[in-house]
Protein backbone atom coordinates (compact mmCIF):
# COMPACT_ATOMS: atom_id res chain seq x y z
CA MET A 1 -1.00 -25.21 -57.84
CA LEU A 2 -4.35 -25.85 -59.49
CA HIS A 3 -5.27 -28.33 -56.80
CA HIS A 4 -4.85 -25.75 -54.04
CA ALA A 5 -6.45 -22.78 -55.77
CA PRO A 6 -10.07 -23.58 -54.75
CA HIS A 7 -8.98 -23.93 -51.13
CA LEU A 8 -7.21 -20.57 -51.21
CA THR A 9 -10.31 -18.97 -52.72
CA PHE A 10 -12.50 -20.54 -50.06
CA PHE A 11 -10.33 -19.29 -47.18
CA SER A 12 -10.08 -15.85 -48.79
CA GLY A 13 -13.86 -15.72 -48.99
CA GLU A 14 -14.17 -16.84 -45.36
CA PHE A 15 -11.70 -14.12 -44.29
CA GLU A 16 -13.62 -11.44 -46.19
CA ALA A 17 -16.88 -12.60 -44.63
CA VAL A 18 -15.43 -12.45 -41.11
CA HIS A 19 -13.86 -9.04 -41.81
CA SER A 20 -17.18 -7.74 -43.16
CA LEU A 21 -18.98 -9.07 -40.06
CA GLU A 22 -16.46 -7.31 -37.80
CA ARG A 23 -16.93 -4.01 -39.65
CA GLY A 24 -20.70 -4.32 -39.41
CA LEU A 25 -20.54 -5.09 -35.69
CA LYS A 26 -18.23 -2.14 -35.09
CA ARG A 27 -20.56 0.22 -36.97
CA ARG A 28 -23.52 -0.97 -34.89
CA LEU A 29 -21.62 -0.51 -31.62
CA VAL A 30 -20.48 2.98 -32.63
CA ALA A 31 -24.05 3.83 -33.62
CA LEU A 32 -25.15 2.90 -30.10
CA SER A 33 -22.96 5.71 -28.77
CA ASP A 34 -25.72 8.08 -29.94
CA GLN A 35 -28.06 6.39 -27.42
CA PRO A 36 -26.32 7.07 -24.08
CA LEU A 37 -28.75 5.18 -21.84
CA VAL A 38 -28.57 2.03 -23.99
CA ALA A 39 -24.79 2.29 -24.35
CA VAL A 40 -24.22 2.70 -20.60
CA THR A 41 -26.60 -0.17 -19.79
CA LEU A 42 -24.83 -2.52 -22.22
CA SER A 43 -21.43 -1.47 -20.88
CA VAL A 44 -22.53 -2.24 -17.31
CA LEU A 45 -23.84 -5.61 -18.46
CA GLY A 46 -20.47 -6.28 -20.08
CA PHE A 47 -18.79 -6.12 -16.67
CA ALA A 48 -21.68 -7.75 -14.78
CA PHE A 49 -19.74 -11.00 -14.35
CA LEU A 50 -17.71 -9.12 -11.69
CA GLY A 51 -20.89 -8.23 -9.81
CA PRO A 52 -23.41 -5.39 -10.32
CA ILE A 53 -21.71 -2.94 -7.96
CA ALA A 54 -18.29 -3.57 -9.52
CA ALA A 55 -19.75 -3.16 -13.03
CA VAL A 56 -21.39 0.19 -12.22
CA LEU A 57 -18.19 1.44 -10.56
CA ILE A 58 -16.02 0.50 -13.57
CA VAL A 59 -18.31 2.22 -16.08
CA ALA A 60 -18.67 5.29 -13.83
CA THR A 61 -14.89 5.70 -13.57
CA MET A 62 -14.62 5.19 -17.32
CA LEU A 63 -17.00 8.11 -17.84
CA ASP A 64 -15.15 10.21 -15.25
CA HIS A 65 -11.97 9.54 -17.24
CA GLU A 66 -13.50 10.81 -20.49
CA PHE A 67 -15.27 13.79 -18.92
CA ALA A 68 -11.89 14.86 -17.46
CA HIS A 69 -10.43 14.78 -20.98
CA ARG A 70 -13.36 16.86 -22.17
CA PHE A 71 -13.03 19.36 -19.31
CA MET A 72 -9.36 20.00 -20.13
CA MET A 73 -10.09 20.25 -23.87
CA ARG A 74 -12.73 22.89 -23.17
CA LYS A 75 -10.46 24.78 -20.76
CA LEU A 76 -7.69 24.89 -23.37
CA GLY A 77 -10.04 26.02 -26.14
CA TYR A 78 -10.31 22.88 -28.25
CA ASN A 79 -14.14 22.86 -28.44
CA PRO A 80 -14.71 19.17 -27.60
CA GLY A 81 -17.73 17.18 -28.69
CA PRO A 82 -19.84 15.05 -26.36
CA VAL A 83 -18.50 12.05 -24.48
CA ARG A 84 -19.56 8.88 -26.28
CA ILE A 85 -19.50 5.37 -24.85
CA ILE A 86 -19.15 2.31 -27.08
CA PRO A 87 -20.54 -0.81 -25.37
CA PHE A 88 -17.98 -3.51 -24.51
CA ILE A 89 -15.13 -1.36 -25.90
CA GLY A 90 -14.80 1.92 -24.00
CA ALA A 91 -15.57 5.61 -24.35
CA TYR A 92 -14.11 8.56 -26.20
CA VAL A 93 -14.35 12.30 -26.77
CA LYS A 94 -13.15 14.24 -29.81
CA ALA A 95 -11.64 17.71 -29.91
CA GLY A 96 -13.22 20.25 -32.22
CA ARG A 97 -9.85 21.21 -33.72
CA PRO A 98 -6.46 19.48 -34.09
CA LEU A 99 -4.35 19.05 -30.96
CA LEU A 100 -0.85 20.16 -31.86
CA ARG A 101 0.78 21.72 -28.81
CA SER A 102 2.54 18.96 -26.86
CA SER A 103 1.95 20.58 -23.47
CA ASP A 104 -1.80 20.85 -24.09
CA ILE A 105 -1.93 17.23 -25.25
CA ALA A 106 -0.08 16.11 -22.12
CA LEU A 107 -2.44 17.98 -19.78
CA ILE A 108 -5.55 16.70 -21.58
CA TYR A 109 -4.50 13.06 -21.57
CA LEU A 110 -3.06 13.09 -18.06
CA ALA A 111 -6.35 14.45 -16.70
CA GLY A 112 -8.29 11.33 -17.76
CA PRO A 113 -6.30 8.69 -15.84
CA LEU A 114 -6.02 11.05 -12.87
CA ALA A 115 -9.81 11.43 -12.69
CA GLY A 116 -10.34 7.70 -13.19
CA VAL A 117 -7.99 6.72 -10.36
CA LEU A 118 -9.28 9.39 -7.97
CA SER A 119 -12.94 8.53 -8.59
CA ALA A 120 -12.21 4.83 -7.96
CA ALA A 121 -10.41 5.71 -4.71
CA LEU A 122 -13.26 8.02 -3.66
CA ALA A 123 -15.79 5.26 -4.34
CA VAL A 124 -13.87 2.94 -2.00
CA VAL A 125 -13.66 5.56 0.77
CA VAL A 126 -17.40 6.32 0.58
CA SER A 127 -18.38 2.64 0.32
CA VAL A 128 -16.37 1.70 3.41
CA GLN A 129 -18.49 4.18 5.37
CA LEU A 130 -21.88 3.32 3.85
CA LEU A 131 -21.97 -0.28 2.64
CA PRO A 132 -22.05 -3.47 4.70
CA ALA A 133 -18.97 -5.68 4.67
CA ALA A 134 -20.75 -8.25 2.48
CA LEU A 135 -20.84 -5.79 -0.45
CA LEU A 136 -17.39 -4.24 -0.04
CA HIS A 137 -15.66 -7.03 -1.95
CA GLN A 138 -17.41 -5.96 -5.16
CA VAL A 139 -16.34 -2.37 -4.57
CA TYR A 140 -12.73 -3.45 -4.13
CA VAL A 141 -12.86 -5.57 -7.29
CA GLY A 142 -14.45 -2.78 -9.34
CA ALA A 143 -11.93 -0.22 -8.09
CA MET A 144 -9.04 -2.62 -8.82
CA VAL A 145 -10.19 -3.16 -12.40
CA ALA A 146 -10.78 0.58 -12.91
CA ILE A 147 -7.32 1.49 -11.61
CA ALA A 148 -5.66 -1.32 -13.57
CA LEU A 149 -7.31 -0.06 -16.78
CA ASN A 150 -6.09 3.47 -16.09
CA LEU A 151 -2.57 2.20 -15.38
CA PHE A 152 -2.60 0.25 -18.64
CA ASN A 153 -3.72 3.44 -20.39
CA LEU A 154 -0.65 5.21 -18.97
CA ILE A 155 1.82 2.97 -20.85
CA PRO A 156 3.94 5.52 -22.77
CA LEU A 157 3.01 4.32 -26.25
CA GLU A 158 0.40 5.86 -28.53
CA PRO A 159 -2.53 5.72 -28.99
CA LEU A 160 -2.74 5.17 -25.21
CA ASP A 161 -2.98 8.24 -22.99
CA GLY A 162 0.53 7.64 -21.68
CA GLY A 163 1.93 7.79 -25.21
CA LEU A 164 0.21 11.12 -25.82
CA VAL A 165 1.49 12.46 -22.48
CA SER A 166 5.03 11.42 -23.45
CA ARG A 167 4.98 13.93 -26.33
CA VAL A 168 6.37 16.56 -23.97
CA LEU A 169 9.67 14.64 -24.00
CA PRO A 170 12.10 13.98 -26.85
CA TYR A 171 10.94 10.69 -28.32
CA GLN A 172 14.36 9.14 -27.74
CA CYS A 173 13.30 8.99 -24.07
CA LEU A 174 10.94 6.15 -24.99
CA VAL A 175 13.93 3.78 -24.77
CA PHE A 176 13.55 4.11 -20.99
CA PHE A 177 10.22 2.22 -21.24
CA PRO A 178 11.65 -1.21 -22.18
CA THR A 179 14.77 -0.49 -20.10
CA ILE A 180 12.77 0.04 -16.90
CA ILE A 181 10.64 -3.04 -17.64
CA GLY A 182 13.75 -5.15 -18.23
CA LEU A 183 15.44 -3.92 -15.06
CA SER A 184 12.28 -4.46 -13.01
CA LEU A 185 11.93 -8.02 -14.29
CA ALA A 186 15.63 -8.66 -13.62
CA VAL A 187 15.39 -7.34 -10.04
CA GLU A 188 12.35 -9.56 -9.44
CA ARG A 189 14.24 -12.45 -11.09
CA GLN A 190 11.44 -12.87 -13.61
CA LEU A 191 13.27 -11.86 -16.80
CA LEU A 192 14.11 -15.44 -17.80
CA PHE A 193 10.83 -16.94 -16.62
CA PRO A 194 8.13 -17.87 -19.16
CA PHE A 195 6.31 -14.52 -19.16
CA GLY A 196 9.23 -12.21 -18.42
CA ALA A 197 11.12 -12.49 -21.69
CA PRO A 198 8.01 -12.10 -23.94
CA ILE A 199 6.91 -9.00 -22.01
CA PHE A 200 10.36 -7.43 -22.38
CA LEU A 201 10.59 -8.30 -26.09
CA VAL A 202 7.11 -6.92 -26.81
CA ALA A 203 8.03 -3.67 -25.01
CA CYS A 204 11.20 -3.41 -27.13
CA TRP A 205 9.29 -4.10 -30.35
CA LEU A 206 6.53 -1.57 -29.61
CA THR A 207 9.09 1.08 -28.67
CA PHE A 208 11.14 0.45 -31.82
CA ARG A 209 8.03 0.79 -34.00
CA LYS A 210 7.01 4.02 -32.27
CA LEU A 211 10.46 5.55 -32.63
CA LEU A 212 10.55 4.59 -36.31
CA LYS A 213 7.11 6.11 -36.87
CA TRP A 214 8.15 9.31 -35.08
CA ARG A 215 11.30 9.64 -37.24
CA ARG A 216 9.19 9.30 -40.38
CA TYR A 217 6.71 11.87 -39.07
CA LEU A 218 9.48 14.38 -38.34
CA ALA A 219 11.12 13.74 -41.72
CA ALA A 220 7.80 14.46 -43.48
CA LEU A 221 7.32 17.63 -41.43
CA ARG A 222 10.86 18.82 -42.21
CA ALA A 223 10.26 18.18 -45.91
CA ARG A 224 7.05 20.24 -45.80
CA GLU A 225 8.87 22.95 -43.85
CA ASP A 226 11.68 23.09 -46.44
CA ALA A 227 9.02 23.45 -49.13
CA GLY A 228 7.72 26.57 -47.36
CA ASP A 229 4.66 25.06 -45.67
CA LEU A 230 3.95 27.39 -42.72
CA HIS A 231 1.52 24.89 -41.20
CA ALA A 232 4.35 22.35 -41.00
CA LEU A 233 6.59 24.95 -39.30
CA ARG A 234 3.93 25.66 -36.67
CA GLU A 235 3.37 21.93 -36.14
CA VAL A 236 7.10 21.31 -35.62
CA ARG A 237 7.32 24.13 -33.07
CA ALA A 238 4.14 23.02 -31.27
CA SER A 239 5.42 19.44 -31.11
CA LEU A 240 9.04 20.04 -30.16
CA ASP A 241 9.44 23.44 -28.50
CA VAL A 242 8.25 22.58 -24.99
CA PRO A 243 9.59 24.70 -22.09
CA LEU A 244 11.72 22.77 -19.61
CA MET A 245 9.46 23.67 -16.67
CA GLU A 246 6.39 22.30 -18.44
CA ARG A 247 8.27 19.08 -19.20
CA MET A 248 9.33 18.71 -15.59
CA LEU A 249 5.80 19.32 -14.27
CA VAL A 250 4.25 16.76 -16.63
CA VAL A 251 6.90 14.12 -15.91
CA THR A 252 6.52 14.69 -12.15
CA GLY A 253 2.73 14.41 -12.41
CA TYR A 254 2.98 11.28 -14.56
CA GLY A 255 5.43 9.58 -12.21
CA THR A 256 3.39 10.50 -9.13
CA LEU A 257 0.18 9.21 -10.73
CA VAL A 258 1.72 5.90 -11.84
CA GLY A 259 3.39 5.35 -8.46
CA GLY A 260 0.31 6.31 -6.45
CA ALA A 261 -2.07 4.24 -8.58
CA SER A 262 0.23 1.21 -8.37
CA ALA A 263 0.42 1.48 -4.57
CA LEU A 264 -3.35 1.90 -4.35
CA LEU A 265 -3.86 -1.16 -6.56
CA LEU A 266 -1.74 -3.28 -4.20
CA LEU A 267 -3.69 -2.03 -1.17
CA LEU A 268 -7.00 -2.84 -2.85
CA ALA A 269 -5.76 -6.32 -3.78
CA GLN A 270 -4.97 -6.96 -0.11
CA ALA A 271 -8.37 -5.58 0.95
CA ALA A 272 -10.14 -7.74 -1.61
CA LEU A 273 -8.38 -10.87 -0.35
CA TRP A 274 -9.27 -9.95 3.23
CA SER A 275 -12.94 -9.33 2.38
CA ALA A 276 -13.40 -12.43 0.18
């Protein structure tokens, strides 16, 4: 025991040093969000390995995504702050007051991926008309990355946009997420291949954790409600009492967006191969 103690202390010190370095780097990157021109320039440089046109397109669609969130927040009366971009990480916008109503949350966080996918598609349509064939490959690559990032963001698990959109549904519906992934992998005969099983197991694990967290959240709200906390009562109603029509509209919009973006991604992949 005594022989190993210095080594444990050394590794603990190394871990603390690395953790402190990470915190300091994160603070510096967040601070750069107050300098929009610098933050945007660094973000473009972060994607520059894909080509300058692709990098600009990716960052532009990222900003479109966040400004769409902000537009919906303002329309629904949540007094949003400015859009801030953190170099090499992403962008964000904060509401001026808590988002409680599930339908509002769904509309706000569905608007971002919708704007991101549409702006990427529009960039391709315009570029095909204006740019020479030699530059179109970068446009296709940038649009593919932008759409892929928005699709990833639509995974129905928080804190991703898709997880926030899924609040309009009873959380038990999240079991469909790993189920659909498992069935898709089985149909493609990939479930037992090296990457199929880990993907399915990770989806199951993430879903289980989210369901467990949601049960604890509801239990805490119910306890506050039983104690006479009116804020808890309003939060329960805002989170759970969603009209059926609103649920149907959000689910239809979500499914259409995921299906359309996936089809567009496949088309762009073919175009990129053809233009390479």
